[in-house]
Amino acid sequence: MSQGNSAPMLRTAGEGVLRLLFGIVMAVIAVALTFGKPVWFAVVTAVMMMLAAREWHRMVRSPAQREAADQKPIHIQTALTAMAIALSITALLLHQIVIAFGLLVLGAAAATVQARLRDDNPLWHGAGVLYVGLPGLALVGLKTLAPQGSQTVLGLFLIVWAADTGALVFGKLIGGAKIAPRISPGKTWAGTIGGSITAAMVFALYIAILSFNVPLAMLFAFAFSFVAHGGDLFESLVKRHFGTKDSGGLIPGHGGVLDRVDSLFAASVVMALLVFALHFNPLFGGHL
């Protein structure tokens, strides 16, 4: 094998190892926070959402604002979103649920107005406050307000992580037909189905450890994993629309924060709706 052919392979292998190592570290931290004090879970969630907000606002800026935004990475929309997220999560911790949602709506309105004054894709910037803020509220709400909150959040994480990892592995091993080649050329049907099967198996093992209903849990995880797939596909659609490959480069081997949590965004909001609006028990055992 020539040196020219081996270099890309070594680089790809190195990126894979880096991705795995950082993925393990992030997973350990997430699990520790899930069973730790609610305030620390809320603080780290808020920080992650603020970083994701920064990437979102940089990604959706108008062409006329790109050069100015490169010179000033944290612009006014990012600051408004960060403030709205911090205040809304704080309100939720104080069990002021209506105020928490109201603060996010106000933040979205403020970001929209500010972007309109700059002629900078106002609807995209305004929507970003809700796109990033609602998952933050959903995660903190599930942790602090839901019955069996820590176990529910961990189950949510396991489904999303397993679906993402399984999709990557099966997609690489099998390949085949693409789901949406114009939106995300790397996503295949084999990877998606493989990821959903992986999610069902991992979640079933988790529920078995808890001694709850395993067959129902498997069916739920398989179906629910498609919400995570949809979240991933949505961010790919946005990135393709704005001509961006990665939302950022903050996490080695993973790209930006948005690239890492796009599946979780959709899944957390839907899980919160199931638990709080429909009084659904996603653990299929224990108490409501």
Protein backbone atom coordinates (compact mmCIF):
# COMPACT_ATOMS: atom_id res chain seq x y z
CA MET A 1 0.00 0.00 0.00
CA SER A 2 1.40 3.39 -0.95
CA GLN A 3 1.94 6.15 1.56
CA GLY A 4 -0.64 8.27 -0.26
CA ASN A 5 -3.33 5.60 0.23
CA SER A 6 -2.44 4.79 3.83
CA ALA A 7 -2.53 8.37 5.11
CA PRO A 8 -6.30 8.88 4.64
CA MET A 9 -7.00 5.49 6.22
CA LEU A 10 -4.85 6.30 9.25
CA ARG A 11 -6.50 9.69 9.57
CA THR A 12 -9.96 8.11 9.40
CA ALA A 13 -9.01 5.50 12.00
CA GLY A 14 -7.61 8.19 14.27
CA GLU A 15 -10.79 10.23 13.97
CA GLY A 16 -12.82 7.14 14.82
CA VAL A 17 -10.80 6.48 17.97
CA LEU A 18 -11.06 10.14 18.98
CA ARG A 19 -14.81 10.07 18.42
CA LEU A 20 -15.13 6.93 20.56
CA LEU A 21 -13.02 8.28 23.42
CA PHE A 22 -14.81 11.60 23.63
CA GLY A 23 -18.16 9.84 23.27
CA ILE A 24 -17.37 7.63 26.28
CA VAL A 25 -16.21 10.61 28.36
CA MET A 26 -19.35 12.60 27.53
CA ALA A 27 -21.57 9.61 28.29
CA VAL A 28 -19.96 9.07 31.70
CA ILE A 29 -20.41 12.74 32.57
CA ALA A 30 -24.03 12.68 31.41
CA VAL A 31 -24.87 9.60 33.48
CA ALA A 32 -23.19 11.08 36.58
CA LEU A 33 -25.16 14.30 36.19
CA THR A 34 -28.40 12.39 35.61
CA PHE A 35 -28.18 10.84 39.06
CA GLY A 36 -26.61 13.87 40.70
CA LYS A 37 -28.18 16.98 42.17
CA PRO A 38 -30.83 18.62 39.96
CA VAL A 39 -29.13 22.00 40.11
CA TRP A 40 -25.91 20.65 38.58
CA PHE A 41 -27.84 18.82 35.88
CA ALA A 42 -29.67 22.07 35.13
CA VAL A 43 -26.47 24.14 35.04
CA VAL A 44 -24.66 21.81 32.65
CA THR A 45 -27.77 21.49 30.48
CA ALA A 46 -28.05 25.28 30.29
CA VAL A 47 -24.38 25.62 29.33
CA MET A 48 -24.72 22.99 26.60
CA MET A 49 -27.80 24.72 25.23
CA MET A 50 -26.00 28.08 25.20
CA LEU A 51 -23.13 26.56 23.22
CA ALA A 52 -25.63 25.00 20.83
CA ALA A 53 -27.38 28.37 20.50
CA ARG A 54 -24.11 30.04 19.51
CA GLU A 55 -23.62 27.46 16.75
CA TRP A 56 -27.22 27.83 15.57
CA HIS A 57 -27.04 31.60 15.27
CA ARG A 58 -23.71 31.42 13.44
CA MET A 59 -25.09 28.79 11.08
CA VAL A 60 -28.32 30.61 10.10
CA ARG A 61 -26.91 34.12 9.66
CA SER A 62 -27.46 35.84 6.34
CA PRO A 63 -24.61 36.08 3.80
CA ALA A 64 -24.35 39.81 4.44
CA GLN A 65 -23.72 39.19 8.14
CA ARG A 66 -21.25 36.31 7.84
CA GLU A 67 -18.09 38.38 7.70
CA ALA A 68 -19.17 40.59 10.60
CA ALA A 69 -20.23 37.52 12.61
CA ASP A 70 -16.82 35.91 12.01
CA GLN A 71 -15.19 38.97 13.52
CA LYS A 72 -17.60 38.99 16.49
CA PRO A 73 -18.39 35.32 17.27
CA ILE A 74 -20.86 36.07 20.09
CA HIS A 75 -23.40 38.47 18.67
CA ILE A 76 -26.58 39.85 20.12
CA GLN A 77 -28.84 36.94 19.11
CA THR A 78 -26.61 34.49 20.96
CA ALA A 79 -26.62 36.67 24.07
CA LEU A 80 -30.42 37.00 23.97
CA THR A 81 -30.86 33.25 23.57
CA ALA A 82 -28.41 32.46 26.36
CA MET A 83 -30.23 34.83 28.70
CA ALA A 84 -33.63 33.36 27.80
CA ILE A 85 -32.38 29.80 28.36
CA ALA A 86 -30.74 30.60 31.70
CA LEU A 87 -33.78 32.44 33.03
CA SER A 88 -36.31 29.88 31.80
CA ILE A 89 -34.41 26.92 33.30
CA THR A 90 -34.08 28.83 36.57
CA ALA A 91 -37.83 29.45 36.57
CA LEU A 92 -38.47 25.76 35.92
CA LEU A 93 -36.27 24.78 38.85
CA LEU A 94 -38.49 27.06 40.97
CA HIS A 95 -41.54 25.21 39.55
CA GLN A 96 -42.69 28.32 37.68
CA ILE A 97 -43.59 26.40 34.54
CA VAL A 98 -45.69 29.05 32.79
CA ILE A 99 -43.06 31.71 33.43
CA ALA A 100 -40.36 29.39 32.10
CA PHE A 101 -42.13 28.98 28.76
CA GLY A 102 -43.03 32.66 28.68
CA LEU A 103 -39.38 33.64 29.04
CA LEU A 104 -38.45 31.46 26.07
CA VAL A 105 -41.18 33.05 23.95
CA LEU A 106 -39.98 36.51 24.94
CA GLY A 107 -36.43 35.51 24.06
CA ALA A 108 -37.57 34.27 20.65
CA ALA A 109 -39.43 37.53 20.03
CA ALA A 110 -36.42 39.62 21.08
CA ALA A 111 -34.04 37.62 18.86
CA THR A 112 -36.44 37.97 15.93
CA VAL A 113 -36.70 41.75 16.32
CA GLN A 114 -32.95 42.17 16.69
CA ALA A 115 -32.26 40.05 13.62
CA ARG A 116 -34.86 41.96 11.63
CA LEU A 117 -33.10 45.23 12.47
CA ARG A 118 -29.91 43.70 11.05
CA ASP A 119 -31.71 42.12 8.07
CA ASP A 120 -30.31 38.80 9.26
CA ASN A 121 -32.82 35.94 8.71
CA PRO A 122 -35.06 36.99 11.64
CA LEU A 123 -37.36 33.95 11.57
CA TRP A 124 -34.42 31.55 11.71
CA HIS A 125 -32.83 33.37 14.63
CA GLY A 126 -36.12 33.61 16.51
CA ALA A 127 -36.96 29.96 15.92
CA GLY A 128 -33.50 29.02 17.19
CA VAL A 129 -34.39 30.20 20.70
CA LEU A 130 -37.22 27.68 20.81
CA TYR A 131 -35.30 24.99 18.95
CA VAL A 132 -32.54 25.08 21.56
CA GLY A 133 -34.50 26.25 24.61
CA LEU A 134 -37.39 23.77 24.55
CA PRO A 135 -35.11 20.68 24.73
CA GLY A 136 -33.32 22.32 27.66
CA LEU A 137 -36.62 22.75 29.50
CA ALA A 138 -37.67 19.22 28.53
CA LEU A 139 -34.52 17.63 29.93
CA VAL A 140 -34.53 19.62 33.17
CA GLY A 141 -38.26 19.03 33.55
CA LEU A 142 -37.90 15.27 33.09
CA LYS A 143 -35.07 15.18 35.60
CA THR A 144 -36.69 17.35 38.28
CA LEU A 145 -40.47 17.07 37.85
CA ALA A 146 -41.19 13.64 36.37
CA PRO A 147 -41.75 10.53 38.48
CA GLN A 148 -38.63 8.36 38.34
CA GLY A 149 -36.98 11.34 36.67
CA SER A 150 -33.36 10.20 36.73
CA GLN A 151 -34.25 6.74 35.42
CA THR A 152 -36.41 8.27 32.68
CA VAL A 153 -33.65 10.63 31.55
CA LEU A 154 -31.10 7.82 31.50
CA GLY A 155 -33.49 5.70 29.44
CA LEU A 156 -33.91 8.60 27.02
CA PHE A 157 -30.14 8.95 26.72
CA LEU A 158 -29.70 5.22 26.11
CA ILE A 159 -32.25 5.17 23.30
CA VAL A 160 -30.72 8.18 21.57
CA TRP A 161 -27.10 7.05 22.01
CA ALA A 162 -27.87 3.51 20.87
CA ALA A 163 -29.84 4.72 17.85
CA ASP A 164 -27.06 7.09 16.79
CA THR A 165 -24.28 4.55 17.34
CA GLY A 166 -26.17 1.69 15.72
CA ALA A 167 -27.02 3.85 12.72
CA LEU A 168 -23.36 4.75 12.27
CA VAL A 169 -22.14 1.15 12.59
CA PHE A 170 -24.78 -0.52 10.44
CA GLY A 171 -24.62 2.25 7.88
CA LYS A 172 -20.87 1.73 7.50
CA LEU A 173 -21.08 -2.08 7.45
CA ILE A 174 -24.09 -2.52 5.16
CA GLY A 175 -24.47 0.71 3.22
CA GLY A 176 -27.20 0.47 0.61
CA ALA A 177 -30.05 2.79 -0.27
CA LYS A 178 -29.97 6.34 1.04
CA ILE A 179 -32.87 7.84 2.96
CA ALA A 180 -32.53 11.40 1.69
CA PRO A 181 -29.36 11.74 -0.42
CA ARG A 182 -29.93 15.42 -1.14
CA ILE A 183 -30.28 16.27 2.55
CA SER A 184 -27.88 13.83 4.19
CA PRO A 185 -25.88 11.66 1.76
CA GLY A 186 -24.48 9.46 4.54
CA LYS A 187 -27.78 8.27 6.02
CA THR A 188 -28.99 4.88 4.79
CA TRP A 189 -32.06 2.78 5.46
CA ALA A 190 -29.82 -0.02 6.74
CA GLY A 191 -28.22 2.34 9.24
CA THR A 192 -31.55 3.74 10.38
CA ILE A 193 -33.19 0.35 10.92
CA GLY A 194 -30.00 -1.01 12.48
CA GLY A 195 -29.91 1.94 14.84
CA SER A 196 -33.51 1.39 15.86
CA ILE A 197 -32.88 -2.30 16.52
CA THR A 198 -29.83 -1.38 18.58
CA ALA A 199 -31.91 1.12 20.57
CA ALA A 200 -34.57 -1.53 21.24
CA MET A 201 -31.99 -4.04 22.48
CA VAL A 202 -30.11 -1.59 24.70
CA PHE A 203 -33.29 -0.18 26.21
CA ALA A 204 -34.65 -3.70 26.76
CA LEU A 205 -31.51 -4.58 28.74
CA TYR A 206 -31.92 -1.41 30.81
CA ILE A 207 -35.58 -2.19 31.56
CA ALA A 208 -34.68 -5.80 32.39
CA ILE A 209 -32.21 -4.52 34.99
CA LEU A 210 -35.03 -2.44 36.47
CA SER A 211 -37.27 -5.56 36.40
CA PHE A 212 -39.99 -3.80 34.40
CA ASN A 213 -41.89 -4.84 31.24
CA VAL A 214 -39.21 -5.72 28.67
CA PRO A 215 -41.34 -6.60 25.56
CA LEU A 216 -43.26 -3.32 25.71
CA ALA A 217 -40.04 -1.43 26.32
CA MET A 218 -38.46 -2.95 23.21
CA LEU A 219 -41.41 -1.97 21.02
CA PHE A 220 -41.42 1.53 22.46
CA ALA A 221 -37.67 2.06 22.00
CA PHE A 222 -37.78 0.83 18.42
CA ALA A 223 -40.61 3.23 17.54
CA PHE A 224 -39.29 6.13 19.62
CA SER A 225 -35.84 5.88 18.04
CA PHE A 226 -37.32 7.24 14.82
CA VAL A 227 -37.94 10.51 16.63
CA ALA A 228 -34.20 10.69 17.28
CA HIS A 229 -33.47 9.84 13.64
CA GLY A 230 -35.84 12.62 12.62
CA GLY A 231 -34.04 15.13 14.82
CA ASP A 232 -30.74 14.21 13.21
CA LEU A 233 -32.24 14.52 9.73
CA PHE A 234 -33.75 17.92 10.54
CA GLU A 235 -30.41 19.40 11.51
CA SER A 236 -28.90 17.95 8.34
CA LEU A 237 -31.64 19.73 6.39
CA VAL A 238 -30.81 23.04 8.07
CA LYS A 239 -27.08 22.60 7.50
CA ARG A 240 -27.65 21.74 3.84
CA HIS A 241 -29.92 24.79 3.46
CA PHE A 242 -27.18 27.08 4.77
CA GLY A 243 -24.31 25.25 3.07
CA THR A 244 -22.65 24.05 6.30
CA LYS A 245 -21.03 20.65 6.81
CA ASP A 246 -20.62 20.79 10.61
CA SER A 247 -22.30 23.14 13.04
CA GLY A 248 -18.94 23.70 14.75
CA GLY A 249 -15.72 22.04 15.88
CA LEU A 250 -15.94 22.25 19.65
CA ILE A 251 -16.07 18.48 20.32
CA PRO A 252 -13.16 16.50 18.82
CA GLY A 253 -14.39 13.73 16.55
CA HIS A 254 -18.00 14.90 16.80
CA GLY A 255 -18.08 18.36 15.25
CA GLY A 256 -20.18 20.94 17.05
CA VAL A 257 -22.53 20.67 20.00
CA LEU A 258 -25.51 20.70 17.66
CA ASP A 259 -24.03 17.81 15.70
CA ARG A 260 -23.89 15.81 18.93
CA VAL A 261 -27.31 16.63 20.39
CA ASP A 262 -29.57 17.09 17.37
CA SER A 263 -31.18 13.67 17.93
CA LEU A 264 -31.59 14.39 21.63
CA PHE A 265 -33.33 17.70 20.94
CA ALA A 266 -36.27 16.08 19.18
CA ALA A 267 -36.37 13.05 21.47
CA SER A 268 -36.35 15.05 24.71
CA VAL A 269 -39.25 17.28 23.65
CA VAL A 270 -41.38 14.33 22.51
CA MET A 271 -40.54 12.40 25.69
CA ALA A 272 -41.58 15.37 27.82
CA LEU A 273 -44.88 15.61 25.94
CA LEU A 274 -45.51 11.89 26.50
CA VAL A 275 -44.73 12.09 30.22
CA PHE A 276 -46.32 15.41 31.17
CA ALA A 277 -49.17 15.77 28.65
CA LEU A 278 -50.23 12.13 28.24
CA HIS A 279 -49.03 10.80 31.64
CA PHE A 280 -47.18 8.04 29.81
CA ASN A 281 -44.74 5.83 31.72
CA PRO A 282 -41.71 5.33 29.41
CA LEU A 283 -40.15 2.83 31.84
CA PHE A 284 -43.14 0.47 31.75
CA GLY A 285 -42.93 -0.15 35.45
CA GLY A 286 -42.46 1.50 38.81
CA HIS A 287 -44.74 4.39 39.67
CA LEU A 288 -46.22 7.40 37.88
